[in-house]
Amino acid sequence: MNKHSNKLNITESKLFKEVSSVIGKVAALEELTKAYRGYVPTYDFPFFDWQEGLLEAFEWEGTPQGADYWDEIDQTGERIRLREQGLLV
């Protein structure tokens, strides 16, 4: 976030960076925008939090894509991180 502004730059958010590392920047912007616009808040996740990682940002089932979609992105991201650390071949 720009230190001179309180306005959020989505492409600099933790959530965007995590998702875009798996599906690319264009797809991440499209999918996260769709998720944000169609989000149905829950008791545990009353709002969509761009500054959190994917696991903590929103209730996956509360989006048009559903939990399976976000779980696949999360699992793929984890495999990428493990490969980068040399813990997975």
N, C-alpha and C. Protein backbone atom coordinates (compact mmCIF):
# COMPACT_ATOMS: atom_id res chain seq x y z
N MET A 1 0.85 -1.17 0.00
CA MET A 1 0.00 0.00 0.00
C MET A 1 0.90 1.24 0.00
N ASN A 2 0.52 2.21 -0.76
CA ASN A 2 1.24 3.47 -0.82
C ASN A 2 1.21 4.13 0.56
N LYS A 3 2.38 4.51 1.08
CA LYS A 3 2.41 5.06 2.44
C LYS A 3 1.78 6.44 2.54
N HIS A 4 1.48 7.06 1.41
CA HIS A 4 0.86 8.39 1.42
C HIS A 4 -0.65 8.32 1.19
N SER A 5 -1.19 7.13 1.11
CA SER A 5 -2.60 6.98 0.81
C SER A 5 -3.18 5.83 1.61
N ASN A 6 -4.43 5.95 1.97
CA ASN A 6 -5.12 4.86 2.65
C ASN A 6 -5.84 3.96 1.65
N LYS A 7 -5.77 4.30 0.38
CA LYS A 7 -6.45 3.54 -0.66
C LYS A 7 -5.69 2.24 -0.93
N LEU A 8 -6.41 1.15 -0.98
CA LEU A 8 -5.82 -0.16 -1.21
C LEU A 8 -5.48 -0.36 -2.67
N ASN A 9 -4.27 -0.81 -2.94
CA ASN A 9 -3.89 -1.23 -4.28
C ASN A 9 -3.97 -2.75 -4.27
N ILE A 10 -4.99 -3.29 -4.89
CA ILE A 10 -5.26 -4.72 -4.85
C ILE A 10 -4.05 -5.54 -5.29
N THR A 11 -3.36 -5.09 -6.33
CA THR A 11 -2.24 -5.87 -6.86
C THR A 11 -1.03 -5.90 -5.93
N GLU A 12 -1.06 -5.10 -4.88
CA GLU A 12 0.01 -5.13 -3.88
C GLU A 12 -0.41 -5.84 -2.60
N SER A 13 -1.65 -6.34 -2.58
CA SER A 13 -2.15 -7.00 -1.37
C SER A 13 -1.57 -8.41 -1.22
N LYS A 14 -1.53 -8.86 0.00
CA LYS A 14 -1.04 -10.21 0.31
C LYS A 14 -1.88 -11.26 -0.42
N LEU A 15 -3.19 -11.10 -0.41
CA LEU A 15 -4.09 -12.04 -1.05
C LEU A 15 -3.81 -12.14 -2.55
N PHE A 16 -3.73 -11.00 -3.22
CA PHE A 16 -3.48 -10.99 -4.66
C PHE A 16 -2.14 -11.65 -4.99
N LYS A 17 -1.12 -11.32 -4.24
CA LYS A 17 0.21 -11.88 -4.52
C LYS A 17 0.21 -13.40 -4.38
N GLU A 18 -0.47 -13.90 -3.37
CA GLU A 18 -0.53 -15.34 -3.16
C GLU A 18 -1.27 -16.03 -4.30
N VAL A 19 -2.44 -15.53 -4.65
CA VAL A 19 -3.24 -16.15 -5.71
C VAL A 19 -2.55 -16.00 -7.06
N SER A 20 -2.00 -14.84 -7.35
CA SER A 20 -1.36 -14.62 -8.65
C SER A 20 -0.10 -15.47 -8.83
N SER A 21 0.54 -15.85 -7.74
CA SER A 21 1.71 -16.72 -7.86
C SER A 21 1.33 -18.10 -8.36
N VAL A 22 0.06 -18.44 -8.27
CA VAL A 22 -0.42 -19.75 -8.71
C VAL A 22 -1.09 -19.66 -10.08
N ILE A 23 -1.97 -18.67 -10.28
CA ILE A 23 -2.74 -18.64 -11.53
C ILE A 23 -2.39 -17.46 -12.44
N GLY A 24 -1.43 -16.65 -12.05
CA GLY A 24 -1.05 -15.50 -12.87
C GLY A 24 -1.82 -14.25 -12.49
N LYS A 25 -1.26 -13.11 -12.85
CA LYS A 25 -1.83 -11.83 -12.43
C LYS A 25 -3.19 -11.53 -13.04
N VAL A 26 -3.34 -11.77 -14.33
CA VAL A 26 -4.61 -11.45 -14.98
C VAL A 26 -5.74 -12.31 -14.43
N ALA A 27 -5.50 -13.62 -14.36
CA ALA A 27 -6.52 -14.53 -13.83
C ALA A 27 -6.82 -14.23 -12.36
N ALA A 28 -5.78 -13.91 -11.59
CA ALA A 28 -5.99 -13.60 -10.17
C ALA A 28 -6.87 -12.37 -10.01
N LEU A 29 -6.61 -11.35 -10.79
CA LEU A 29 -7.42 -10.13 -10.70
C LEU A 29 -8.87 -10.43 -11.07
N GLU A 30 -9.07 -11.21 -12.13
CA GLU A 30 -10.43 -11.57 -12.55
C GLU A 30 -11.14 -12.40 -11.49
N GLU A 31 -10.49 -13.43 -11.00
CA GLU A 31 -11.13 -14.34 -10.04
C GLU A 31 -11.37 -13.68 -8.68
N LEU A 32 -10.42 -12.91 -8.22
CA LEU A 32 -10.60 -12.24 -6.93
C LEU A 32 -11.65 -11.14 -7.02
N THR A 33 -11.71 -10.46 -8.15
CA THR A 33 -12.76 -9.45 -8.34
C THR A 33 -14.13 -10.12 -8.34
N LYS A 34 -14.25 -11.25 -9.05
CA LYS A 34 -15.51 -11.99 -9.08
C LYS A 34 -15.89 -12.46 -7.67
N ALA A 35 -14.90 -12.97 -6.95
CA ALA A 35 -15.15 -13.44 -5.58
C ALA A 35 -15.59 -12.30 -4.68
N TYR A 36 -14.91 -11.17 -4.78
CA TYR A 36 -15.23 -10.01 -3.94
C TYR A 36 -16.65 -9.50 -4.23
N ARG A 37 -16.98 -9.37 -5.49
CA ARG A 37 -18.31 -8.85 -5.86
C ARG A 37 -19.44 -9.79 -5.49
N GLY A 38 -19.18 -11.09 -5.51
CA GLY A 38 -20.23 -12.05 -5.21
C GLY A 38 -20.15 -12.61 -3.80
N TYR A 39 -19.29 -12.03 -2.97
CA TYR A 39 -19.06 -12.58 -1.64
C TYR A 39 -20.27 -12.47 -0.73
N VAL A 40 -20.56 -13.57 -0.03
CA VAL A 40 -21.62 -13.61 0.97
C VAL A 40 -20.94 -13.76 2.33
N PRO A 41 -20.92 -12.71 3.14
CA PRO A 41 -20.23 -12.76 4.44
C PRO A 41 -20.80 -13.84 5.36
N THR A 42 -19.94 -14.33 6.23
CA THR A 42 -20.35 -15.31 7.23
C THR A 42 -19.99 -14.78 8.61
N TYR A 43 -20.42 -15.49 9.63
CA TYR A 43 -20.11 -15.08 10.99
C TYR A 43 -18.59 -15.04 11.22
N ASP A 44 -17.90 -16.08 10.77
CA ASP A 44 -16.45 -16.17 10.97
C ASP A 44 -15.65 -15.25 10.04
N PHE A 45 -16.21 -14.95 8.89
CA PHE A 45 -15.54 -14.08 7.90
C PHE A 45 -16.53 -13.00 7.45
N PRO A 46 -16.74 -11.99 8.29
CA PRO A 46 -17.76 -10.98 7.99
C PRO A 46 -17.39 -10.03 6.85
N PHE A 47 -16.12 -10.04 6.43
CA PHE A 47 -15.74 -9.20 5.30
C PHE A 47 -14.58 -9.85 4.55
N PHE A 48 -14.35 -9.40 3.36
CA PHE A 48 -13.31 -9.88 2.45
C PHE A 48 -12.05 -9.10 2.79
N ASP A 49 -11.00 -9.77 3.26
CA ASP A 49 -9.81 -9.09 3.74
C ASP A 49 -8.62 -9.29 2.79
N TRP A 50 -8.33 -8.28 2.00
CA TRP A 50 -7.25 -8.34 1.00
C TRP A 50 -5.87 -8.46 1.63
N GLN A 51 -5.72 -8.05 2.87
CA GLN A 51 -4.40 -8.05 3.50
C GLN A 51 -4.03 -9.38 4.14
N GLU A 52 -4.91 -10.34 4.08
CA GLU A 52 -4.64 -11.67 4.62
C GLU A 52 -4.27 -12.63 3.49
N GLY A 53 -3.72 -13.77 3.88
CA GLY A 53 -3.46 -14.83 2.92
C GLY A 53 -4.76 -15.53 2.56
N LEU A 54 -4.71 -16.40 1.59
CA LEU A 54 -5.91 -17.05 1.07
C LEU A 54 -6.71 -17.78 2.15
N LEU A 55 -6.05 -18.45 3.07
CA LEU A 55 -6.76 -19.20 4.10
C LEU A 55 -7.56 -18.31 5.05
N GLU A 56 -7.11 -17.09 5.26
CA GLU A 56 -7.75 -16.20 6.24
C GLU A 56 -8.53 -15.05 5.63
N ALA A 57 -8.51 -14.89 4.33
CA ALA A 57 -9.06 -13.69 3.70
C ALA A 57 -10.59 -13.67 3.61
N PHE A 58 -11.18 -14.84 3.39
CA PHE A 58 -12.64 -14.90 3.20
C PHE A 58 -13.10 -16.35 3.30
N GLU A 59 -14.40 -16.54 3.47
CA GLU A 59 -14.99 -17.88 3.50
C GLU A 59 -15.12 -18.34 2.06
N TRP A 60 -14.39 -19.38 1.70
CA TRP A 60 -14.35 -19.84 0.31
C TRP A 60 -15.72 -20.20 -0.23
N GLU A 61 -16.54 -20.80 0.60
CA GLU A 61 -17.89 -21.20 0.15
C GLU A 61 -18.79 -20.00 -0.10
N GLY A 62 -18.38 -18.83 0.40
CA GLY A 62 -19.18 -17.62 0.22
C GLY A 62 -18.91 -16.91 -1.09
N THR A 63 -18.15 -17.55 -1.99
CA THR A 63 -17.84 -16.94 -3.28
C THR A 63 -18.50 -17.72 -4.41
N PRO A 64 -18.66 -17.09 -5.57
CA PRO A 64 -19.24 -17.80 -6.71
C PRO A 64 -18.42 -19.03 -7.14
N GLN A 65 -17.11 -19.00 -6.93
CA GLN A 65 -16.26 -20.11 -7.34
C GLN A 65 -16.38 -21.32 -6.42
N GLY A 66 -16.68 -21.09 -5.17
CA GLY A 66 -16.84 -22.18 -4.21
C GLY A 66 -15.54 -22.65 -3.59
N ALA A 67 -15.68 -23.48 -2.58
CA ALA A 67 -14.54 -23.93 -1.78
C ALA A 67 -13.56 -24.80 -2.57
N ASP A 68 -14.05 -25.66 -3.44
CA ASP A 68 -13.15 -26.55 -4.19
C ASP A 68 -12.17 -25.76 -5.06
N TYR A 69 -12.65 -24.70 -5.66
CA TYR A 69 -11.80 -23.86 -6.52
C TYR A 69 -10.64 -23.27 -5.71
N TRP A 70 -10.96 -22.64 -4.58
CA TRP A 70 -9.93 -22.00 -3.76
C TRP A 70 -9.03 -23.03 -3.09
N ASP A 71 -9.57 -24.19 -2.76
CA ASP A 71 -8.75 -25.25 -2.18
C ASP A 71 -7.70 -25.71 -3.18
N GLU A 72 -8.06 -25.83 -4.44
CA GLU A 72 -7.11 -26.24 -5.47
C GLU A 72 -5.99 -25.20 -5.62
N ILE A 73 -6.33 -23.93 -5.57
CA ILE A 73 -5.32 -22.88 -5.64
C ILE A 73 -4.41 -22.95 -4.41
N ASP A 74 -5.00 -23.13 -3.25
CA ASP A 74 -4.21 -23.23 -2.02
C ASP A 74 -3.26 -24.43 -2.07
N GLN A 75 -3.76 -25.58 -2.47
CA GLN A 75 -2.93 -26.79 -2.54
C GLN A 75 -1.82 -26.65 -3.58
N THR A 76 -2.13 -26.07 -4.72
CA THR A 76 -1.12 -25.84 -5.76
C THR A 76 -0.05 -24.89 -5.25
N GLY A 77 -0.46 -23.83 -4.58
CA GLY A 77 0.49 -22.88 -4.01
C GLY A 77 1.41 -23.54 -3.00
N GLU A 78 0.85 -24.43 -2.19
CA GLU A 78 1.67 -25.14 -1.20
C GLU A 78 2.69 -26.04 -1.90
N ARG A 79 2.28 -26.74 -2.95
CA ARG A 79 3.23 -27.58 -3.70
C ARG A 79 4.34 -26.73 -4.31
N ILE A 80 4.01 -25.57 -4.85
CA ILE A 80 5.01 -24.66 -5.42
C ILE A 80 6.01 -24.24 -4.34
N ARG A 81 5.51 -23.84 -3.17
CA ARG A 81 6.39 -23.41 -2.08
C ARG A 81 7.32 -24.54 -1.62
N LEU A 82 6.78 -25.76 -1.52
CA LEU A 82 7.60 -26.89 -1.11
C LEU A 82 8.68 -27.21 -2.13
N ARG A 83 8.34 -27.13 -3.42
CA ARG A 83 9.34 -27.33 -4.47
C ARG A 83 10.44 -26.28 -4.39
N GLU A 84 10.05 -25.04 -4.20
CA GLU A 84 11.03 -23.94 -4.12
C GLU A 84 11.98 -24.14 -2.93
N GLN A 85 11.48 -24.77 -1.87
CA GLN A 85 12.31 -25.02 -0.68
C GLN A 85 13.10 -26.32 -0.80
N GLY A 86 12.90 -27.03 -1.91
CA GLY A 86 13.59 -28.30 -2.12
C GLY A 86 13.02 -29.45 -1.31
N LEU A 87 11.81 -29.28 -0.81
CA LEU A 87 11.19 -30.30 0.03
C LEU A 87 10.26 -31.22 -0.75
N LEU A 88 10.08 -30.94 -2.04
CA LEU A 88 9.19 -31.73 -2.89
C LEU A 88 9.81 -31.79 -4.27
N VAL A 89 9.83 -32.98 -4.83
CA VAL A 89 10.41 -33.13 -6.18
C VAL A 89 9.35 -33.34 -7.20
